[in-house]
Amino acid sequence: MNRVREIISAVLFGIFVALLVYAASQTVVYRPFLRLQNAVDDSHFVRRFKIHGTEGLETERIVIIDIDNRSIQALGRFELWPRRLFGTVIANLKQEGAELVFLDVILKEGGFRHDNDVLAESVRNAGNVISGYYFNLDVPSIRQMPLDPVLNQQFSSSVLEPGPLTKNQFIKAEQFFLPYRELMNSVKGMGFTNYVPDPDGVLRHIPLYIKYGRRLYPSASLQMWMYLKGIYPSQVAIRPDGLIFGKNRIPTDRHCFMRLNYSGTRSSFTTVSFLDVLNNDFTPGMFTGKIVLIGSGAEKLRDLKQIPGFRSVPGVEVHATALSTLLSGHFLHVTTGNVIFIITLLSGIVSSMVFLFAPTMKVGLPVVLGLPLGLYLVSVYSFVYHSRLVNITLPSFVIALLFIVITIYRVIEDHGNGNGSDENSIPQADHSLTDS
């Protein structure tokens, strides 16, 4: 009976510690746990790239025209470029048979009327140009974003239970910056170019919708994807766990953020200098049937973004990554909070049983080192071969914490027993002596 009570006590203690850690991860120590888990997830990109490279990520279909340092040196200060230069580049792309052109440059009202008209006419003739624009997000949205479900997705009765739109917590905008009117009237579509990095400044996901007033507006990558797929925006069904366009499902969190499936290094996409395209100095046919994104990688224009596991890349490459993620359908899936909660509880129960009843050095130490390592290997396999992120920070921390607490408890207990044995070792009277 005593043994049964000890087992029950060990199980309850393991559950208590697991619940304590899980509750703390949702509140006071959320950010430290998030940083640790992000570091684990970021390391997976490097391993996946070494194994699979850019296989299946649609990177060959996308070409980036880079407003690079060489173009700025040749054409002068970027802010003073005649807008007809963009018109010439777009006309050259149309002649080459580009499937889609995205302009990741916001050309606001101003400039010379003739230049504006040349660009607008070139865009209208191409008939396949999508332009970017920019939102100013409201302060509460900036403070609460991003809210990553790797750690703090709410526990629900069913991970597959669909919810109404009101369960989505969209980030909100309070102001927008648009291209000049003639250009807006000429493009095929528009999408916002906002990024919302994690607290450490790394871009791991991107919002697919932002709310302005009472309406939702799509991102540039989502707008390009809908154009290429022939999908109308009204066809979308928005749920807390993703977007549904007919047979196409895009996994997101309840803020409508999609995880970016980065392909590897900065050279993952074919990149051509803006100056070369302007001067028709490129291999004929290289843009035929391609999706072309025009943006800047020049350091002077300060549009470089930090991404997981690699150096900084131009902002236009983030949009290219988002588009390749959408086109390939190789989405990164986040293991739900329900599953992580159960794994954390089981880790607490098993660890508590082992550390309380098994020898500390012979069994306990190998377990406290081996279990987190095993969880890490599982997370690597899950990411590399199934594109699934598994939170191992919480269960690993529970295992380590239980080992420390129970080891201290056993040392104190053993020390107490040692004192007791000293008392029992006091010499007793020699009862073999005969009575005097």
Protein backbone atom coordinates (compact mmCIF):
# COMPACT_ATOMS: atom_id res chain seq x y z
CA MET A 1 0.00 0.00 0.00
CA ASN A 2 2.85 2.40 0.83
CA ARG A 3 4.36 1.74 -2.59
CA VAL A 4 1.08 2.63 -4.30
CA ARG A 5 0.91 5.87 -2.33
CA GLU A 6 4.47 6.72 -3.33
CA ILE A 7 3.66 6.13 -7.00
CA ILE A 8 0.54 8.29 -6.76
CA SER A 9 2.54 11.02 -5.02
CA ALA A 10 5.22 10.89 -7.75
CA VAL A 11 2.60 11.14 -10.50
CA LEU A 12 0.85 14.05 -8.82
CA PHE A 13 4.14 15.86 -8.23
CA GLY A 14 5.12 15.44 -11.87
CA ILE A 15 1.75 16.80 -12.98
CA PHE A 16 2.05 19.73 -10.58
CA VAL A 17 5.48 20.75 -11.88
CA ALA A 18 4.37 20.34 -15.52
CA LEU A 19 1.30 22.51 -14.93
CA LEU A 20 3.41 25.10 -13.13
CA VAL A 21 5.90 25.34 -16.00
CA TYR A 22 3.17 25.40 -18.64
CA ALA A 23 1.29 28.17 -16.82
CA ALA A 24 4.49 30.19 -16.43
CA SER A 25 5.24 29.80 -20.15
CA GLN A 26 1.93 31.45 -20.97
CA THR A 27 2.51 34.45 -18.73
CA VAL A 28 5.58 35.78 -16.92
CA VAL A 29 8.32 33.84 -18.73
CA TYR A 30 6.70 33.67 -22.16
CA ARG A 31 9.44 35.56 -23.99
CA PRO A 32 12.42 33.56 -22.62
CA PHE A 33 10.68 30.32 -23.56
CA LEU A 34 9.86 31.75 -27.00
CA ARG A 35 13.48 32.77 -27.58
CA LEU A 36 14.72 29.30 -26.67
CA GLN A 37 12.19 27.55 -28.90
CA ASN A 38 12.87 29.93 -31.79
CA ALA A 39 16.59 29.13 -31.52
CA VAL A 40 15.77 25.43 -31.77
CA ASP A 41 13.45 25.94 -34.74
CA ASP A 42 15.92 28.20 -36.56
CA SER A 43 18.64 25.55 -36.37
CA HIS A 44 16.39 23.14 -38.28
CA PHE A 45 16.47 25.28 -41.43
CA VAL A 46 20.21 24.74 -41.77
CA ARG A 47 19.89 20.97 -41.40
CA ARG A 48 16.95 20.76 -43.79
CA PHE A 49 18.79 22.80 -46.43
CA LYS A 50 21.83 20.51 -46.20
CA ILE A 51 19.61 17.47 -46.74
CA HIS A 52 16.99 18.68 -49.24
CA GLY A 53 18.30 22.00 -50.56
CA THR A 54 15.49 23.95 -52.25
CA GLU A 55 13.70 20.83 -53.46
CA GLY A 56 9.98 21.38 -54.05
CA LEU A 57 9.91 25.03 -52.95
CA GLU A 58 9.21 26.63 -56.37
CA THR A 59 12.33 28.80 -56.13
CA GLU A 60 13.26 28.28 -59.80
CA ARG A 61 9.97 29.81 -60.89
CA ILE A 62 10.72 33.13 -59.20
CA VAL A 63 13.24 35.74 -60.38
CA ILE A 64 14.22 38.86 -58.43
CA ILE A 65 15.23 42.09 -60.13
CA ASP A 66 17.49 43.77 -57.62
CA ILE A 67 17.84 47.52 -57.30
CA ASP A 68 21.42 46.93 -56.20
CA ASN A 69 24.39 49.14 -55.44
CA ARG A 70 25.61 48.89 -59.04
CA SER A 71 22.27 50.21 -60.34
CA ILE A 72 22.31 53.11 -57.89
CA GLN A 73 25.90 53.99 -58.80
CA ALA A 74 25.02 54.03 -62.50
CA LEU A 75 21.63 55.77 -62.30
CA GLY A 76 22.22 58.09 -59.36
CA ARG A 77 20.30 58.65 -56.16
CA PHE A 78 17.32 56.30 -56.08
CA GLU A 79 14.81 58.91 -54.90
CA LEU A 80 15.56 60.94 -58.06
CA TRP A 81 15.20 58.11 -60.57
CA PRO A 82 12.79 58.99 -63.40
CA ARG A 83 9.79 56.67 -63.06
CA ARG A 84 9.91 55.91 -66.75
CA LEU A 85 12.86 53.62 -65.91
CA PHE A 86 10.46 51.25 -64.20
CA GLY A 87 8.21 51.48 -67.23
CA THR A 88 11.08 50.43 -69.48
CA VAL A 89 11.92 47.44 -67.25
CA ILE A 90 8.29 46.31 -67.17
CA ALA A 91 8.03 46.66 -70.95
CA ASN A 92 11.15 44.52 -71.37
CA LEU A 93 9.67 41.88 -69.06
CA LYS A 94 6.44 41.84 -71.05
CA GLN A 95 8.40 41.36 -74.24
CA GLU A 96 10.24 38.44 -72.60
CA GLY A 97 6.95 36.79 -71.60
CA ALA A 98 7.03 37.13 -67.81
CA GLU A 99 3.97 35.55 -66.21
CA LEU A 100 3.64 38.07 -63.37
CA VAL A 101 5.49 41.18 -62.20
CA PHE A 102 5.41 42.49 -58.63
CA LEU A 103 6.57 46.02 -57.91
CA ASP A 104 7.95 46.12 -54.35
CA VAL A 105 8.53 49.86 -54.63
CA ILE A 106 5.91 52.33 -53.43
CA LEU A 107 5.91 55.24 -55.87
CA LYS A 108 3.80 57.86 -54.12
CA GLU A 109 2.19 60.98 -55.55
CA GLY A 110 4.76 63.31 -57.08
CA GLY A 111 7.35 63.08 -59.80
CA PHE A 112 7.06 64.36 -63.35
CA ARG A 113 3.73 63.92 -65.12
CA HIS A 114 5.32 62.50 -68.26
CA ASP A 115 7.30 59.88 -66.33
CA ASN A 116 4.22 58.87 -64.34
CA ASP A 117 2.21 58.47 -67.53
CA VAL A 118 4.93 56.35 -69.19
CA LEU A 119 5.06 53.97 -66.21
CA ALA A 120 1.27 53.73 -65.88
CA GLU A 121 0.91 53.01 -69.61
CA SER A 122 3.62 50.35 -69.49
CA VAL A 123 1.89 48.67 -66.53
CA ARG A 124 -1.48 48.84 -68.28
CA ASN A 125 -0.06 47.26 -71.43
CA ALA A 126 1.65 44.49 -69.47
CA GLY A 127 -1.64 43.56 -67.78
CA ASN A 128 0.08 41.40 -65.17
CA VAL A 129 1.60 43.83 -62.68
CA ILE A 130 0.79 43.81 -58.96
CA SER A 131 1.90 46.72 -56.82
CA GLY A 132 2.73 46.94 -53.15
CA TYR A 133 1.56 49.47 -50.60
CA TYR A 134 2.22 49.98 -46.90
CA PHE A 135 0.14 50.16 -43.72
CA ASN A 136 0.93 51.99 -40.51
CA LEU A 137 -0.11 49.53 -37.80
CA ASP A 138 -1.80 50.72 -34.64
CA VAL A 139 0.21 50.61 -31.41
CA PRO A 140 -1.70 47.71 -29.73
CA SER A 141 -1.10 45.53 -32.81
CA ILE A 142 2.63 46.24 -32.76
CA ARG A 143 2.87 45.42 -29.05
CA GLN A 144 1.00 42.14 -29.19
CA MET A 145 2.46 40.79 -32.42
CA PRO A 146 3.47 38.23 -33.22
CA LEU A 147 1.61 35.82 -30.97
CA ASP A 148 3.11 32.48 -31.89
CA PRO A 149 1.03 29.34 -31.27
CA VAL A 150 4.20 27.30 -30.75
CA LEU A 151 3.97 28.35 -27.13
CA ASN A 152 0.70 29.99 -26.27
CA GLN A 153 -2.07 28.60 -28.42
CA GLN A 154 -5.11 28.33 -26.20
CA PHE A 155 -6.16 24.85 -25.12
CA SER A 156 -9.35 23.96 -26.97
CA SER A 157 -11.77 21.06 -26.96
CA SER A 158 -10.84 20.05 -30.49
CA VAL A 159 -7.92 21.09 -32.65
CA LEU A 160 -10.11 20.63 -35.73
CA GLU A 161 -13.07 22.59 -34.46
CA PRO A 162 -13.79 25.46 -36.88
CA GLY A 163 -14.48 28.83 -35.36
CA PRO A 164 -16.24 31.97 -36.53
CA LEU A 165 -14.33 34.93 -37.87
CA THR A 166 -14.67 36.69 -34.51
CA LYS A 167 -12.13 34.25 -33.03
CA ASN A 168 -9.44 35.64 -35.31
CA GLN A 169 -7.47 38.51 -33.83
CA PHE A 170 -6.32 40.39 -36.90
CA ILE A 171 -3.67 43.05 -36.61
CA LYS A 172 -5.08 46.46 -37.40
CA ALA A 173 -3.90 49.43 -39.42
CA GLU A 174 -4.56 53.08 -38.76
CA GLN A 175 -3.07 54.60 -41.94
CA PHE A 176 -1.91 53.50 -45.37
CA PHE A 177 0.51 54.71 -48.04
CA LEU A 178 -0.48 54.06 -51.65
CA PRO A 179 1.19 54.51 -55.05
CA TYR A 180 0.13 57.48 -57.17
CA ARG A 181 -3.38 57.30 -58.57
CA GLU A 182 -2.58 56.63 -62.24
CA LEU A 183 -0.43 53.65 -61.28
CA MET A 184 -3.13 52.24 -58.98
CA ASN A 185 -5.62 52.43 -61.83
CA SER A 186 -3.23 50.52 -64.12
CA VAL A 187 -2.15 47.56 -61.97
CA LYS A 188 -3.88 44.18 -61.90
CA GLY A 189 -3.97 44.08 -58.12
CA MET A 190 -2.40 45.40 -54.92
CA GLY A 191 -1.14 43.90 -51.68
CA PHE A 192 0.43 45.27 -48.52
CA THR A 193 4.17 44.79 -47.95
CA ASN A 194 4.25 44.97 -44.14
CA TYR A 195 6.51 42.74 -42.08
CA VAL A 196 6.04 41.98 -38.40
CA PRO A 197 9.24 40.47 -36.95
CA ASP A 198 9.54 38.55 -33.70
CA PRO A 199 10.80 40.39 -30.59
CA ASP A 200 14.38 39.39 -31.51
CA GLY A 201 14.03 41.08 -34.92
CA VAL A 202 13.88 37.85 -36.95
CA LEU A 203 11.19 37.42 -39.62
CA ARG A 204 9.70 33.96 -39.15
CA HIS A 205 6.16 34.57 -40.38
CA ILE A 206 4.12 37.13 -42.28
CA PRO A 207 0.51 38.36 -41.94
CA LEU A 208 -1.72 37.33 -44.84
CA TYR A 209 -4.51 39.74 -43.91
CA ILE A 210 -4.56 43.07 -42.09
CA LYS A 211 -7.73 44.78 -40.92
CA TYR A 212 -8.33 48.40 -41.82
CA GLY A 213 -11.67 49.81 -40.79
CA ARG A 214 -14.18 47.03 -41.32
CA ARG A 215 -12.41 45.35 -44.21
CA LEU A 216 -9.58 42.83 -44.54
CA TYR A 217 -6.78 43.45 -47.02
CA PRO A 218 -4.47 40.73 -48.42
CA SER A 219 -0.69 40.73 -48.35
CA ALA A 220 1.32 41.12 -51.55
CA SER A 221 2.29 37.44 -51.56
CA LEU A 222 -1.31 36.31 -51.07
CA GLN A 223 -2.49 38.67 -53.80
CA MET A 224 0.10 37.26 -56.21
CA TRP A 225 -0.87 33.70 -55.30
CA MET A 226 -4.57 34.39 -55.89
CA TYR A 227 -3.77 35.97 -59.27
CA LEU A 228 -1.68 32.99 -60.36
CA LYS A 229 -4.30 30.50 -59.15
CA GLY A 230 -7.21 32.42 -60.65
CA ILE A 231 -8.84 32.72 -57.22
CA TYR A 232 -11.13 35.58 -56.23
CA PRO A 233 -10.67 37.14 -52.77
CA SER A 234 -14.36 36.55 -52.00
CA GLN A 235 -13.77 32.78 -52.14
CA VAL A 236 -11.84 32.74 -48.87
CA ALA A 237 -13.11 31.17 -45.66
CA ILE A 238 -11.12 32.44 -42.68
CA ARG A 239 -10.72 30.30 -39.57
CA PRO A 240 -8.52 30.66 -36.49
CA ASP A 241 -6.27 27.88 -37.78
CA GLY A 242 -6.03 28.89 -41.42
CA LEU A 243 -7.45 30.16 -44.70
CA ILE A 244 -9.48 27.97 -47.02
CA PHE A 245 -9.80 28.70 -50.75
CA GLY A 246 -11.84 25.79 -52.07
CA LYS A 247 -9.46 22.82 -52.00
CA ASN A 248 -6.51 25.01 -50.99
CA ARG A 249 -5.83 25.35 -47.26
CA ILE A 250 -3.20 27.70 -45.83
CA PRO A 251 -2.32 27.09 -42.16
CA THR A 252 -2.09 30.25 -40.04
CA ASP A 253 -2.41 31.23 -36.40
CA ARG A 254 -5.43 33.15 -35.13
CA HIS A 255 -3.75 36.44 -36.12
CA CYS A 256 -3.61 35.17 -39.71
CA PHE A 257 0.18 34.82 -39.68
CA MET A 258 1.71 32.21 -41.98
CA ARG A 259 5.07 30.64 -41.14
CA LEU A 260 7.67 31.31 -43.85
CA ASN A 261 9.34 28.20 -45.26
CA TYR A 262 12.76 29.63 -46.06
CA SER A 263 14.63 27.72 -48.72
CA GLY A 264 18.16 28.37 -47.55
CA THR A 265 20.66 31.01 -48.53
CA ARG A 266 20.39 34.40 -50.16
CA SER A 267 21.13 32.83 -53.55
CA SER A 268 18.04 30.58 -53.47
CA PHE A 269 16.31 32.80 -56.07
CA THR A 270 17.77 33.88 -59.38
CA THR A 271 18.71 37.55 -59.04
CA VAL A 272 19.34 40.02 -61.87
CA SER A 273 20.48 43.61 -61.55
CA PHE A 274 17.90 46.29 -62.34
CA LEU A 275 20.50 47.99 -64.51
CA ASP A 276 20.96 44.87 -66.66
CA VAL A 277 17.23 44.48 -67.26
CA LEU A 278 16.95 48.18 -68.06
CA ASN A 279 19.69 47.85 -70.68
CA ASN A 280 18.40 44.49 -72.01
CA ASP A 281 21.70 42.96 -70.90
CA PHE A 282 20.49 39.49 -69.89
CA THR A 283 20.16 36.01 -71.33
CA PRO A 284 17.16 35.87 -73.71
CA GLY A 285 14.32 33.75 -72.36
CA MET A 286 15.38 33.88 -68.72
CA PHE A 287 12.13 35.70 -67.78
CA THR A 288 9.80 33.65 -69.97
CA GLY A 289 7.01 32.21 -67.85
CA LYS A 290 8.65 33.50 -64.67
CA ILE A 291 7.28 35.39 -61.68
CA VAL A 292 9.37 38.54 -61.40
CA LEU A 293 9.68 40.61 -58.23
CA ILE A 294 11.28 44.05 -58.40
CA GLY A 295 12.82 45.22 -55.12
CA SER A 296 16.00 46.44 -53.50
CA GLY A 297 18.94 44.70 -51.89
CA ALA A 298 21.07 47.84 -51.73
CA GLU A 299 22.30 48.65 -48.25
CA LYS A 300 21.66 52.36 -48.84
CA LEU A 301 17.91 51.74 -49.18
CA ARG A 302 17.80 49.86 -45.83
CA ASP A 303 15.41 47.12 -46.82
CA LEU A 304 17.40 44.20 -45.39
CA LYS A 305 15.65 41.74 -43.09
CA GLN A 306 17.03 39.14 -40.70
CA ILE A 307 15.76 35.60 -41.30
CA PRO A 308 16.16 32.34 -39.33
CA GLY A 309 19.55 30.69 -39.40
CA PHE A 310 21.01 32.84 -42.15
CA ARG A 311 22.26 36.34 -42.81
CA SER A 312 20.03 39.28 -43.66
CA VAL A 313 18.21 39.25 -47.01
CA PRO A 314 16.41 41.95 -49.02
CA GLY A 315 12.80 42.51 -48.12
CA VAL A 316 11.75 41.51 -51.63
CA GLU A 317 13.19 38.05 -50.96
CA VAL A 318 10.88 37.70 -47.94
CA HIS A 319 7.93 38.24 -50.31
CA ALA A 320 9.49 35.73 -52.71
CA THR A 321 9.77 33.22 -49.86
CA ALA A 322 6.14 33.78 -48.85
CA LEU A 323 5.03 33.29 -52.45
CA SER A 324 7.14 30.14 -52.91
CA THR A 325 5.64 28.78 -49.67
CA LEU A 326 2.14 29.38 -51.01
CA LEU A 327 2.85 28.02 -54.49
CA SER A 328 4.65 24.88 -53.34
CA GLY A 329 2.13 24.05 -50.62
CA HIS A 330 5.06 23.08 -48.38
CA PHE A 331 3.72 24.87 -45.34
CA LEU A 332 5.28 24.78 -41.91
CA HIS A 333 2.77 23.30 -39.49
CA VAL A 334 2.93 24.14 -35.82
CA THR A 335 2.10 21.36 -33.37
CA THR A 336 -0.99 22.53 -31.51
CA GLY A 337 -1.04 23.69 -27.92
CA ASN A 338 -3.20 20.71 -27.01
CA VAL A 339 -0.53 18.23 -28.08
CA ILE A 340 2.31 20.17 -26.45
CA PHE A 341 0.31 20.36 -23.22
CA ILE A 342 -0.14 16.57 -23.19
CA ILE A 343 3.56 15.96 -24.02
CA THR A 344 4.55 18.29 -21.19
CA LEU A 345 2.30 16.45 -18.73
CA LEU A 346 3.62 13.03 -19.78
CA SER A 347 7.20 14.28 -19.49
CA GLY A 348 6.48 15.44 -15.95
CA ILE A 349 4.88 12.13 -14.93
CA VAL A 350 7.58 9.88 -16.42
CA SER A 351 10.45 12.03 -15.16
CA SER A 352 9.05 12.23 -11.65
CA MET A 353 8.66 8.43 -11.48
CA VAL A 354 12.20 7.81 -12.74
CA PHE A 355 13.93 10.40 -10.58
CA LEU A 356 12.13 9.37 -7.38
CA PHE A 357 12.54 5.60 -7.64
CA ALA A 358 15.68 5.03 -9.74
CA PRO A 359 19.32 5.65 -8.72
CA THR A 360 20.22 9.27 -9.35
CA MET A 361 23.58 8.84 -11.07
CA LYS A 362 23.06 5.50 -12.79
CA VAL A 363 19.58 6.20 -14.18
CA GLY A 364 18.49 9.75 -13.36
CA LEU A 365 21.45 11.54 -14.97
CA PRO A 366 21.28 9.59 -18.27
CA VAL A 367 17.51 10.24 -18.39
CA VAL A 368 17.79 14.01 -17.79
CA LEU A 369 20.35 14.20 -20.59
CA GLY A 370 18.84 11.61 -22.90
CA LEU A 371 15.17 12.61 -22.91
CA PRO A 372 15.71 16.23 -24.07
CA LEU A 373 18.20 14.98 -26.67
CA GLY A 374 15.64 12.46 -27.87
CA LEU A 375 13.01 15.20 -28.07
CA TYR A 376 15.40 17.35 -30.07
CA LEU A 377 16.08 14.55 -32.55
CA VAL A 378 12.34 14.01 -32.91
CA SER A 379 11.87 17.74 -33.61
CA VAL A 380 14.63 17.65 -36.25
CA TYR A 381 13.06 14.65 -37.99
CA SER A 382 9.60 16.19 -37.78
CA PHE A 383 10.80 19.45 -39.34
CA VAL A 384 13.13 18.06 -42.01
CA TYR A 385 10.80 15.34 -43.28
CA HIS A 386 7.31 16.55 -42.34
CA SER A 387 7.69 20.38 -42.13
CA ARG A 388 6.26 20.35 -38.61
CA LEU A 389 7.48 22.44 -35.69
CA VAL A 390 7.42 20.71 -32.31
CA ASN A 391 7.90 22.64 -29.10
CA ILE A 392 10.49 20.75 -27.05
CA THR A 393 11.40 23.62 -24.72
CA LEU A 394 8.55 23.08 -22.27
CA PRO A 395 8.88 19.30 -21.76
CA SER A 396 12.69 19.58 -21.64
CA PHE A 397 12.51 22.28 -18.98
CA VAL A 398 10.06 20.19 -16.94
CA ILE A 399 12.45 17.21 -17.08
CA ALA A 400 15.42 19.32 -15.99
CA LEU A 401 13.51 21.06 -13.22
CA LEU A 402 12.20 17.78 -11.80
CA PHE A 403 15.70 16.30 -11.83
CA ILE A 404 17.10 19.26 -9.88
CA VAL A 405 14.29 19.38 -7.33
CA ILE A 406 14.12 15.63 -6.73
CA THR A 407 17.92 15.29 -6.56
CA ILE A 408 18.07 18.01 -3.90
CA TYR A 409 15.23 16.29 -2.04
CA ARG A 410 17.00 12.91 -2.14
CA VAL A 411 20.29 14.43 -0.98
CA ILE A 412 18.55 16.03 1.99
CA GLU A 413 16.69 12.80 2.73
CA ASP A 414 19.89 10.73 2.52
CA HIS A 415 21.66 13.19 4.78
CA GLY A 416 18.85 12.85 7.32
CA ASN A 417 19.04 9.09 7.16
CA GLY A 418 22.77 9.32 7.62
CA ASN A 419 22.30 11.27 10.82
CA GLY A 420 19.78 8.69 11.96
CA SER A 421 22.20 5.84 11.31
CA ASP A 422 24.83 7.64 13.38
CA GLU A 423 22.46 7.64 16.30
CA ASN A 424 21.78 3.94 15.84
CA SER A 425 25.50 3.26 15.85
CA ILE A 426 25.97 4.46 19.42
CA PRO A 427 27.56 1.59 21.40
CA GLN A 428 25.01 -0.39 23.35
CA ALA A 429 25.47 -2.13 26.69
CA ASP A 430 27.21 -5.50 26.53
CA HIS A 431 24.36 -7.85 27.39
CA SER A 432 26.73 -10.81 27.28
CA LEU A 433 28.19 -9.80 30.61
CA THR A 434 27.01 -11.87 33.55
CA ASP A 435 25.18 -10.20 36.31
CA SER A 436 27.42 -9.28 39.08
